[in-house]
């Protein structure tokens, strides 16, 4: 095999590697996000058609969970403040889905090849999860605040009201709800809503 052919193969393989997992430049403007990353809007629209979860609810939740960073992980935990002992949880990717919940999604949807760092798979997961919260808990798909609480606490935790003793979480959920409404208005103003 010629040296040039080997270099071409290496370059091709390298170009197929890791995606652009960095956050969009302006996270406060939904129109700027989708202009910079049109694939995000396509993925969210597809999830909206399949699961009925509005784009602005998905966007606000992804903003809170990962700030649109595709390979986001939870911080490390340290023993005695210096010895790394693993991450705070198995949450990963755009949706910050936990290993077990992601595996359940893959099994129930038959999407075994789904990856948490793929925006199409992450938004489909989010739509699937929120659709399940609507069916089991009666939460409107348009209610970003309650959907976020069920997403964060799990459906069982939400049903038990575990979030009620967490004022910090209530504050975060209210921010998600407010951001969802802001994103909704912005997407409408630029003809993307």
C-alpha atoms as a PDB file:
ATOM      1  CA  UNK A   1       0.000   0.000   0.000  1.00  0.00           C
ATOM      2  CA  UNK A   2       1.446   3.360  -0.980  1.00  0.00           C
ATOM      3  CA  UNK A   3       2.322   5.959   1.606  1.00  0.00           C
ATOM      4  CA  UNK A   4      -0.134   8.429   0.074  1.00  0.00           C
ATOM      5  CA  UNK A   5      -2.994   5.922   0.298  1.00  0.00           C
ATOM      6  CA  UNK A   6      -2.147   5.215   3.945  1.00  0.00           C
ATOM      7  CA  UNK A   7      -2.201   8.939   4.731  1.00  0.00           C
ATOM      8  CA  UNK A   8      -5.532   9.321   2.954  1.00  0.00           C
ATOM      9  CA  UNK A   9      -7.053   6.481   4.993  1.00  0.00           C
ATOM     10  CA  UNK A  10      -5.744   7.949   8.248  1.00  0.00           C
ATOM     11  CA  UNK A  11      -7.148  11.373   7.324  1.00  0.00           C
ATOM     12  CA  UNK A  12     -10.525   9.857   6.441  1.00  0.00           C
ATOM     13  CA  UNK A  13     -10.736   7.914   9.701  1.00  0.00           C
ATOM     14  CA  UNK A  14      -9.673  10.987  11.703  1.00  0.00           C
ATOM     15  CA  UNK A  15     -12.347  13.119  10.034  1.00  0.00           C
ATOM     16  CA  UNK A  16     -15.012  10.630  11.091  1.00  0.00           C
ATOM     17  CA  UNK A  17     -13.979  10.887  14.717  1.00  0.00           C
ATOM     18  CA  UNK A  18     -15.415  13.073  17.473  1.00  0.00           C
ATOM     19  CA  UNK A  19     -18.094  15.595  16.701  1.00  0.00           C
ATOM     20  CA  UNK A  20     -18.428  19.243  17.561  1.00  0.00           C
ATOM     21  CA  UNK A  21     -19.481  18.983  21.182  1.00  0.00           C
ATOM     22  CA  UNK A  22     -18.854  22.615  22.109  1.00  0.00           C
ATOM     23  CA  UNK A  23     -21.765  24.800  23.128  1.00  0.00           C
ATOM     24  CA  UNK A  24     -23.229  27.249  20.629  1.00  0.00           C
ATOM     25  CA  UNK A  25     -21.994  30.820  21.130  1.00  0.00           C
ATOM     26  CA  UNK A  26     -25.234  32.462  22.330  1.00  0.00           C
ATOM     27  CA  UNK A  27     -27.216  30.186  24.642  1.00  0.00           C
ATOM     28  CA  UNK A  28     -29.667  32.950  25.543  1.00  0.00           C
ATOM     29  CA  UNK A  29     -31.108  33.218  22.045  1.00  0.00           C
ATOM     30  CA  UNK A  30     -32.936  30.235  20.533  1.00  0.00           C
ATOM     31  CA  UNK A  31     -32.771  31.743  17.045  1.00  0.00           C
ATOM     32  CA  UNK A  32     -28.992  32.124  17.306  1.00  0.00           C
ATOM     33  CA  UNK A  33     -28.665  28.538  18.541  1.00  0.00           C
ATOM     34  CA  UNK A  34     -30.606  27.051  15.629  1.00  0.00           C
ATOM     35  CA  UNK A  35     -28.918  29.359  13.108  1.00  0.00           C
ATOM     36  CA  UNK A  36     -25.507  28.189  14.317  1.00  0.00           C
ATOM     37  CA  UNK A  37     -26.558  24.543  14.650  1.00  0.00           C
ATOM     38  CA  UNK A  38     -29.416  23.763  12.247  1.00  0.00           C
ATOM     39  CA  UNK A  39     -29.065  20.056  13.068  1.00  0.00           C
ATOM     40  CA  UNK A  40     -30.322  20.836  16.582  1.00  0.00           C
ATOM     41  CA  UNK A  41     -33.610  22.206  15.268  1.00  0.00           C
ATOM     42  CA  UNK A  42     -34.028  19.306  12.841  1.00  0.00           C
ATOM     43  CA  UNK A  43     -33.486  16.816  15.678  1.00  0.00           C
ATOM     44  CA  UNK A  44     -35.886  18.610  18.032  1.00  0.00           C
ATOM     45  CA  UNK A  45     -38.579  18.951  15.349  1.00  0.00           C
ATOM     46  CA  UNK A  46     -38.266  15.220  14.649  1.00  0.00           C
ATOM     47  CA  UNK A  47     -38.646  14.424  18.364  1.00  0.00           C
ATOM     48  CA  UNK A  48     -41.590  16.839  18.558  1.00  0.00           C
ATOM     49  CA  UNK A  49     -43.337  15.038  15.682  1.00  0.00           C
ATOM     50  CA  UNK A  50     -42.685  11.611  17.213  1.00  0.00           C
ATOM     51  CA  UNK A  51     -43.354  12.335  20.894  1.00  0.00           C
ATOM     52  CA  UNK A  52     -45.283  15.617  20.967  1.00  0.00           C
ATOM     53  CA  UNK A  53     -42.798  17.472  23.183  1.00  0.00           C
ATOM     54  CA  UNK A  54     -42.412  21.061  21.925  1.00  0.00           C
ATOM     55  CA  UNK A  55     -39.019  22.235  20.703  1.00  0.00           C
ATOM     56  CA  UNK A  56     -38.799  25.019  23.296  1.00  0.00           C
ATOM     57  CA  UNK A  57     -39.328  22.537  26.163  1.00  0.00           C
ATOM     58  CA  UNK A  58     -36.575  20.307  24.795  1.00  0.00           C
ATOM     59  CA  UNK A  59     -34.240  23.274  24.304  1.00  0.00           C
ATOM     60  CA  UNK A  60     -34.735  24.632  27.816  1.00  0.00           C
ATOM     61  CA  UNK A  61     -34.122  21.202  29.327  1.00  0.00           C
ATOM     62  CA  UNK A  62     -30.968  20.617  27.275  1.00  0.00           C
ATOM     63  CA  UNK A  63     -29.762  24.091  28.241  1.00  0.00           C
ATOM     64  CA  UNK A  64     -30.151  23.232  31.920  1.00  0.00           C
ATOM     65  CA  UNK A  65     -28.737  19.733  31.683  1.00  0.00           C
ATOM     66  CA  UNK A  66     -25.691  20.232  29.459  1.00  0.00           C
ATOM     67  CA  UNK A  67     -25.618  23.788  28.091  1.00  0.00           C
ATOM     68  CA  UNK A  68     -25.729  22.066  24.667  1.00  0.00           C
ATOM     69  CA  UNK A  69     -22.349  20.391  25.252  1.00  0.00           C
ATOM     70  CA  UNK A  70     -22.602  16.999  23.568  1.00  0.00           C
ATOM     71  CA  UNK A  71     -20.070  15.171  25.722  1.00  0.00           C
ATOM     72  CA  UNK A  72     -20.960  16.812  29.052  1.00  0.00           C
ATOM     73  CA  UNK A  73     -20.323  14.755  32.189  1.00  0.00           C
ATOM     74  CA  UNK A  74     -20.935  15.349  35.864  1.00  0.00           C
ATOM     75  CA  UNK A  75     -17.957  16.532  37.917  1.00  0.00           C
ATOM     76  CA  UNK A  76     -15.555  14.126  39.609  1.00  0.00           C
ATOM     77  CA  UNK A  77     -15.892  13.275  43.300  1.00  0.00           C
ATOM     78  CA  UNK A  78     -12.806  13.336  45.494  1.00  0.00           C
ATOM     79  CA  UNK A  79     -11.858  11.458  48.626  1.00  0.00           C
ATOM     80  CA  UNK A  80     -10.147  13.700  51.159  1.00  0.00           C
ATOM     81  CA  UNK A  81     -10.475  16.481  48.630  1.00  0.00           C
ATOM     82  CA  UNK A  82      -7.693  15.143  46.363  1.00  0.00           C
ATOM     83  CA  UNK A  83      -8.149  11.482  45.397  1.00  0.00           C
ATOM     84  CA  UNK A  84     -10.531  11.082  42.428  1.00  0.00           C
ATOM     85  CA  UNK A  85     -13.118   8.366  43.122  1.00  0.00           C
ATOM     86  CA  UNK A  86     -15.360   8.655  40.072  1.00  0.00           C
ATOM     87  CA  UNK A  87     -18.042  10.962  38.809  1.00  0.00           C
ATOM     88  CA  UNK A  88     -21.079  12.170  40.729  1.00  0.00           C
ATOM     89  CA  UNK A  89     -23.328  10.100  38.469  1.00  0.00           C
ATOM     90  CA  UNK A  90     -23.349   8.301  35.123  1.00  0.00           C
ATOM     91  CA  UNK A  91     -25.155  11.233  33.443  1.00  0.00           C
ATOM     92  CA  UNK A  92     -23.670  11.951  30.028  1.00  0.00           C
ATOM     93  CA  UNK A  93     -24.290  13.857  26.832  1.00  0.00           C
ATOM     94  CA  UNK A  94     -26.760  16.511  25.736  1.00  0.00           C
ATOM     95  CA  UNK A  95     -29.611  15.060  27.770  1.00  0.00           C
ATOM     96  CA  UNK A  96     -27.513  13.998  30.780  1.00  0.00           C
ATOM     97  CA  UNK A  97     -29.280  10.638  30.712  1.00  0.00           C
ATOM     98  CA  UNK A  98     -28.154   8.126  33.320  1.00  0.00           C
ATOM     99  CA  UNK A  99     -26.815   4.749  32.185  1.00  0.00           C
ATOM    100  CA  UNK A 100     -29.843   2.783  33.403  1.00  0.00           C
ATOM    101  CA  UNK A 101     -32.434   5.148  31.955  1.00  0.00           C
ATOM    102  CA  UNK A 102     -30.566   5.278  28.644  1.00  0.00           C
ATOM    103  CA  UNK A 103     -30.464   1.483  28.489  1.00  0.00           C
ATOM    104  CA  UNK A 104     -34.205   1.365  29.191  1.00  0.00           C
ATOM    105  CA  UNK A 105     -34.770   3.834  26.329  1.00  0.00           C
ATOM    106  CA  UNK A 106     -32.636   1.741  23.972  1.00  0.00           C
ATOM    107  CA  UNK A 107     -34.513  -1.416  24.906  1.00  0.00           C
ATOM    108  CA  UNK A 108     -38.041   0.043  24.748  1.00  0.00           C
ATOM    109  CA  UNK A 109     -37.482   1.916  21.473  1.00  0.00           C
ATOM    110  CA  UNK A 110     -35.285  -0.720  19.813  1.00  0.00           C
ATOM    111  CA  UNK A 111     -32.694   1.994  19.189  1.00  0.00           C
ATOM    112  CA  UNK A 112     -29.721  -0.044  20.435  1.00  0.00           C
ATOM    113  CA  UNK A 113     -27.189   2.064  18.536  1.00  0.00           C
ATOM    114  CA  UNK A 114     -28.340   5.341  20.103  1.00  0.00           C
ATOM    115  CA  UNK A 115     -25.600   7.525  21.582  1.00  0.00           C
ATOM    116  CA  UNK A 116     -26.037  10.175  24.250  1.00  0.00           C
ATOM    117  CA  UNK A 117     -23.588  12.503  22.493  1.00  0.00           C
ATOM    118  CA  UNK A 118     -25.680  12.489  19.302  1.00  0.00           C
ATOM    119  CA  UNK A 119     -28.247  15.298  19.217  1.00  0.00           C
ATOM    120  CA  UNK A 120     -30.787  13.201  17.272  1.00  0.00           C
ATOM    121  CA  UNK A 121     -30.638  10.386  19.813  1.00  0.00           C
ATOM    122  CA  UNK A 122     -30.545  12.750  22.810  1.00  0.00           C
ATOM    123  CA  UNK A 123     -33.655  14.653  21.715  1.00  0.00           C
ATOM    124  CA  UNK A 124     -35.461  11.422  20.862  1.00  0.00           C
ATOM    125  CA  UNK A 125     -34.610  10.146  24.348  1.00  0.00           C
ATOM    126  CA  UNK A 126     -35.880  13.350  25.905  1.00  0.00           C
ATOM    127  CA  UNK A 127     -39.129  13.155  23.927  1.00  0.00           C
ATOM    128  CA  UNK A 128     -39.566   9.499  24.905  1.00  0.00           C
ATOM    129  CA  UNK A 129     -38.959  10.250  28.569  1.00  0.00           C
ATOM    130  CA  UNK A 130     -41.282  13.255  28.684  1.00  0.00           C
ATOM    131  CA  UNK A 131     -43.980  11.386  26.764  1.00  0.00           C
ATOM    132  CA  UNK A 132     -43.753   8.689  29.437  1.00  0.00           C
ATOM    133  CA  UNK A 133     -44.065  11.330  32.163  1.00  0.00           C
ATOM    134  CA  UNK A 134     -47.206  12.628  30.485  1.00  0.00           C
ATOM    135  CA  UNK A 135     -48.706   9.132  30.286  1.00  0.00           C
ATOM    136  CA  UNK A 136     -47.782   8.057  33.826  1.00  0.00           C
ATOM    137  CA  UNK A 137     -48.022  11.326  35.731  1.00  0.00           C
ATOM    138  CA  UNK A 138     -50.393  13.457  33.665  1.00  0.00           C
ATOM    139  CA  UNK A 139     -47.823  16.235  33.132  1.00  0.00           C
ATOM    140  CA  UNK A 140     -48.535  18.404  30.104  1.00  0.00           C
ATOM    141  CA  UNK A 141     -45.816  18.221  27.464  1.00  0.00           C
ATOM    142  CA  UNK A 142     -45.929  22.017  27.385  1.00  0.00           C
ATOM    143  CA  UNK A 143     -45.214  22.323  31.133  1.00  0.00           C
ATOM    144  CA  UNK A 144     -41.421  22.640  31.078  1.00  0.00           C
ATOM    145  CA  UNK A 145     -41.211  23.233  34.841  1.00  0.00           C
ATOM    146  CA  UNK A 146     -42.988  20.025  35.852  1.00  0.00           C
ATOM    147  CA  UNK A 147     -41.442  18.004  33.038  1.00  0.00           C
ATOM    148  CA  UNK A 148     -38.017  19.101  34.274  1.00  0.00           C
ATOM    149  CA  UNK A 149     -38.827  18.109  37.849  1.00  0.00           C
ATOM    150  CA  UNK A 150     -39.897  14.625  36.679  1.00  0.00           C
ATOM    151  CA  UNK A 151     -36.813  14.444  34.456  1.00  0.00           C
ATOM    152  CA  UNK A 152     -34.477  15.375  37.305  1.00  0.00           C
ATOM    153  CA  UNK A 153     -36.088  13.414  40.130  1.00  0.00           C
ATOM    154  CA  UNK A 154     -37.331  10.473  38.092  1.00  0.00           C
ATOM    155  CA  UNK A 155     -40.997   9.700  37.746  1.00  0.00           C
ATOM    156  CA  UNK A 156     -41.161   7.934  41.106  1.00  0.00           C
ATOM    157  CA  UNK A 157     -39.507  10.868  42.868  1.00  0.00           C
ATOM    158  CA  UNK A 158     -41.860  13.287  41.167  1.00  0.00           C
ATOM    159  CA  UNK A 159     -44.887  11.203  42.156  1.00  0.00           C
ATOM    160  CA  UNK A 160     -43.677  11.188  45.777  1.00  0.00           C
ATOM    161  CA  UNK A 161     -43.056  14.935  45.646  1.00  0.00           C
ATOM    162  CA  UNK A 162     -39.369  14.600  46.542  1.00  0.00           C
ATOM    163  CA  UNK A 163     -38.675  17.948  44.871  1.00  0.00           C
ATOM    164  CA  UNK A 164     -40.841  19.818  47.409  1.00  0.00           C
ATOM    165  CA  UNK A 165     -38.093  19.622  50.043  1.00  0.00           C
ATOM    166  CA  UNK A 166     -35.469  20.924  47.589  1.00  0.00           C
ATOM    167  CA  UNK A 167     -35.924  24.657  47.260  1.00  0.00           C
ATOM    168  CA  UNK A 168     -32.818  24.900  45.064  1.00  0.00           C
ATOM    169  CA  UNK A 169     -34.364  22.405  42.614  1.00  0.00           C
ATOM    170  CA  UNK A 170     -37.661  24.276  42.563  1.00  0.00           C
ATOM    171  CA  UNK A 171     -35.671  27.393  41.647  1.00  0.00           C
ATOM    172  CA  UNK A 172     -33.867  25.558  38.842  1.00  0.00           C
ATOM    173  CA  UNK A 173     -37.129  24.105  37.500  1.00  0.00           C
ATOM    174  CA  UNK A 174     -38.724  27.552  37.484  1.00  0.00           C
ATOM    175  CA  UNK A 175     -35.731  28.860  35.509  1.00  0.00           C
ATOM    176  CA  UNK A 176     -36.214  26.031  33.011  1.00  0.00           C
ATOM    177  CA  UNK A 177     -39.875  26.976  32.677  1.00  0.00           C
ATOM    178  CA  UNK A 178     -38.995  30.646  32.171  1.00  0.00           C
ATOM    179  CA  UNK A 179     -36.296  29.818  29.635  1.00  0.00           C
ATOM    180  CA  UNK A 180     -38.738  27.587  27.745  1.00  0.00           C
ATOM    181  CA  UNK A 181     -41.163  30.507  27.398  1.00  0.00           C
ATOM    182  CA  UNK A 182     -38.334  32.811  26.288  1.00  0.00           C
ATOM    183  CA  UNK A 183     -37.157  30.272  23.719  1.00  0.00           C
ATOM    184  CA  UNK A 184     -40.743  29.819  22.508  1.00  0.00           C
ATOM    185  CA  UNK A 185     -41.170  33.554  21.919  1.00  0.00           C
ATOM    186  CA  UNK A 186     -37.763  33.814  20.228  1.00  0.00           C
ATOM    187  CA  UNK A 187     -38.412  30.870  17.912  1.00  0.00           C
ATOM    188  CA  UNK A 188     -41.760  32.391  16.959  1.00  0.00           C
ATOM    189  CA  UNK A 189     -40.120  35.760  16.227  1.00  0.00           C
ATOM    190  CA  UNK A 190     -37.605  34.245  13.796  1.00  0.00           C
ATOM    191  CA  UNK A 191     -40.131  31.952  12.136  1.00  0.00           C
ATOM    192  CA  UNK A 192     -38.742  28.751  13.643  1.00  0.00           C
ATOM    193  CA  UNK A 193     -41.479  28.125  16.210  1.00  0.00           C
END
